Structure formats: structure tokens, C-alpha cells
Amino acid sequence: TEAELLSIIINTGTRKFTAYQIAQNLLDKFGTVYELQGKTLEEVMEIEGIGAVKATQIAAVFELCRRIIIHMERES
């Protein structure tokens, strides 16, 4: 699921929330990973358990995906 994939990226939870719960909170706020992908670090950090490092990790995954898509489009 999207929550499971995000929880792998998030990696660790907090005393209050597991990584999976944090991922689910992200999806509850933003809807889907597609809707999450354009959000600023500050918007993502509004979720309890998401600090600058985790928000940056999530953004990095989206950036890698974007670059892969660009590369694939150039090849076709």
C-alpha cells in the first residue's frame, strides 16, 4: 500500500506513532502519494513525527522518480 511504502521511507517512528502511523497521517492529510509529491518541506513537516530529515528523504524519493520519468521520456 502507499502507507507501507511511505513507512519504509520514513523508517522510524516516534514514542507516539509508528512509522506506518506517520505515513498514514500523511496520506490522511494529503490524500495520495501523487498529491503529496508537490508539497513543500514545511507542509510535510506539519505532520507530527516528520522533521526536516524525514521530509527531505520523502522529497528526495519524489525527485528521483521525477528524474527517472524524464530519462524514460527521452529514451522513447
C-alpha atoms as a PDB file:
ATOM      1  CA  THR A   1       0.000   0.000   0.000  1.00  0.00           C
ATOM      2  CA  GLU A   2       1.018   3.635  -0.243  1.00  0.00           C
ATOM      3  CA  ALA A   3       1.214   3.817   3.551  1.00  0.00           C
ATOM      4  CA  GLU A   4       3.532   0.811   3.684  1.00  0.00           C
ATOM      5  CA  LEU A   5       5.827   2.265   1.020  1.00  0.00           C
ATOM      6  CA  LEU A   6       5.953   5.639   2.779  1.00  0.00           C
ATOM      7  CA  SER A   7       6.639   3.960   6.118  1.00  0.00           C
ATOM      8  CA  ILE A   8       9.713   2.299   4.590  1.00  0.00           C
ATOM      9  CA  ILE A   9      10.988   5.737   3.543  1.00  0.00           C
ATOM     10  CA  ILE A  10      10.109   7.243   6.937  1.00  0.00           C
ATOM     11  CA  ASN A  11      11.911   4.287   8.549  1.00  0.00           C
ATOM     12  CA  THR A  12      11.417   5.099  12.229  1.00  0.00           C
ATOM     13  CA  GLY A  13       8.551   6.317  14.300  1.00  0.00           C
ATOM     14  CA  THR A  14       8.323   8.308  17.482  1.00  0.00           C
ATOM     15  CA  ARG A  15       7.250   7.414  21.001  1.00  0.00           C
ATOM     16  CA  LYS A  16       3.717   8.304  19.995  1.00  0.00           C
ATOM     17  CA  PHE A  17       3.465   6.980  16.412  1.00  0.00           C
ATOM     18  CA  THR A  18       4.954   4.119  14.422  1.00  0.00           C
ATOM     19  CA  ALA A  19       6.447   4.858  11.009  1.00  0.00           C
ATOM     20  CA  TYR A  20       3.311   3.319   9.478  1.00  0.00           C
ATOM     21  CA  GLN A  21       1.023   5.599  11.514  1.00  0.00           C
ATOM     22  CA  ILE A  22       3.042   8.658  10.466  1.00  0.00           C
ATOM     23  CA  ALA A  23       2.750   7.550   6.843  1.00  0.00           C
ATOM     24  CA  GLN A  24      -1.000   7.091   7.257  1.00  0.00           C
ATOM     25  CA  ASN A  25      -1.256  10.564   8.813  1.00  0.00           C
ATOM     26  CA  LEU A  26       0.491  11.984   5.744  1.00  0.00           C
ATOM     27  CA  LEU A  27      -1.997  10.263   3.470  1.00  0.00           C
ATOM     28  CA  ASP A  28      -4.939  11.332   5.653  1.00  0.00           C
ATOM     29  CA  LYS A  29      -3.836  14.948   5.229  1.00  0.00           C
ATOM     30  CA  PHE A  30      -2.770  14.933   1.566  1.00  0.00           C
ATOM     31  CA  GLY A  31      -4.782  12.079   0.062  1.00  0.00           C
ATOM     32  CA  THR A  32      -2.369  10.071  -2.089  1.00  0.00           C
ATOM     33  CA  VAL A  33       1.350   9.976  -2.754  1.00  0.00           C
ATOM     34  CA  TYR A  34       0.616  11.733  -6.032  1.00  0.00           C
ATOM     35  CA  GLU A  35      -0.977  14.613  -4.116  1.00  0.00           C
ATOM     36  CA  LEU A  36       1.859  14.559  -1.572  1.00  0.00           C
ATOM     37  CA  GLN A  37       4.582  14.916  -4.215  1.00  0.00           C
ATOM     38  CA  GLY A  38       4.181  18.639  -4.783  1.00  0.00           C
ATOM     39  CA  LYS A  39       4.095  19.727  -1.161  1.00  0.00           C
ATOM     40  CA  THR A  40       6.787  21.853   0.444  1.00  0.00           C
ATOM     41  CA  LEU A  41       9.015  20.556   3.199  1.00  0.00           C
ATOM     42  CA  GLU A  42       7.193  22.835   5.601  1.00  0.00           C
ATOM     43  CA  GLU A  43       3.799  21.384   4.661  1.00  0.00           C
ATOM     44  CA  VAL A  44       5.060  17.837   5.121  1.00  0.00           C
ATOM     45  CA  MET A  45       6.658  18.774   8.446  1.00  0.00           C
ATOM     46  CA  GLU A  46       3.234  19.799   9.783  1.00  0.00           C
ATOM     47  CA  ILE A  47       2.653  16.091  10.392  1.00  0.00           C
ATOM     48  CA  GLU A  48       3.725  15.049  13.875  1.00  0.00           C
ATOM     49  CA  GLY A  49       6.771  12.804  13.602  1.00  0.00           C
ATOM     50  CA  ILE A  50       8.024  14.371  10.361  1.00  0.00           C
ATOM     51  CA  GLY A  51      11.019  16.615  10.851  1.00  0.00           C
ATOM     52  CA  ALA A  52      13.400  18.151   8.366  1.00  0.00           C
ATOM     53  CA  VAL A  53      15.315  14.906   7.751  1.00  0.00           C
ATOM     54  CA  LYS A  54      12.257  12.755   7.053  1.00  0.00           C
ATOM     55  CA  ALA A  55      10.641  15.450   4.928  1.00  0.00           C
ATOM     56  CA  THR A  56      13.851  15.724   2.907  1.00  0.00           C
ATOM     57  CA  GLN A  57      14.025  11.948   2.472  1.00  0.00           C
ATOM     58  CA  ILE A  58      10.474  11.895   1.120  1.00  0.00           C
ATOM     59  CA  ALA A  59      11.241  14.806  -1.215  1.00  0.00           C
ATOM     60  CA  ALA A  60      14.386  13.017  -2.418  1.00  0.00           C
ATOM     61  CA  VAL A  61      12.386   9.944  -3.405  1.00  0.00           C
ATOM     62  CA  PHE A  62       9.989  12.104  -5.415  1.00  0.00           C
ATOM     63  CA  GLU A  63      12.924  13.845  -7.096  1.00  0.00           C
ATOM     64  CA  LEU A  64      14.483  10.513  -8.039  1.00  0.00           C
ATOM     65  CA  CYS A  65      11.162   9.384  -9.517  1.00  0.00           C
ATOM     66  CA  ARG A  66      10.888  12.620 -11.471  1.00  0.00           C
ATOM     67  CA  ARG A  67      14.369  12.136 -12.923  1.00  0.00           C
ATOM     68  CA  ILE A  68      13.623   8.537 -13.863  1.00  0.00           C
ATOM     69  CA  ILE A  69      10.484   9.644 -15.700  1.00  0.00           C
ATOM     70  CA  ILE A  70      12.412  12.353 -17.569  1.00  0.00           C
ATOM     71  CA  HIS A  71      15.039   9.807 -18.566  1.00  0.00           C
ATOM     72  CA  MET A  72      12.402   7.332 -19.734  1.00  0.00           C
ATOM     73  CA  GLU A  73      10.654  10.020 -21.784  1.00  0.00           C
ATOM     74  CA  ARG A  74      13.914  10.921 -23.523  1.00  0.00           C
ATOM     75  CA  GLU A  75      14.522   7.295 -24.442  1.00  0.00           C
ATOM     76  CA  SER A  76      11.141   6.835 -26.103  1.00  0.00           C
END
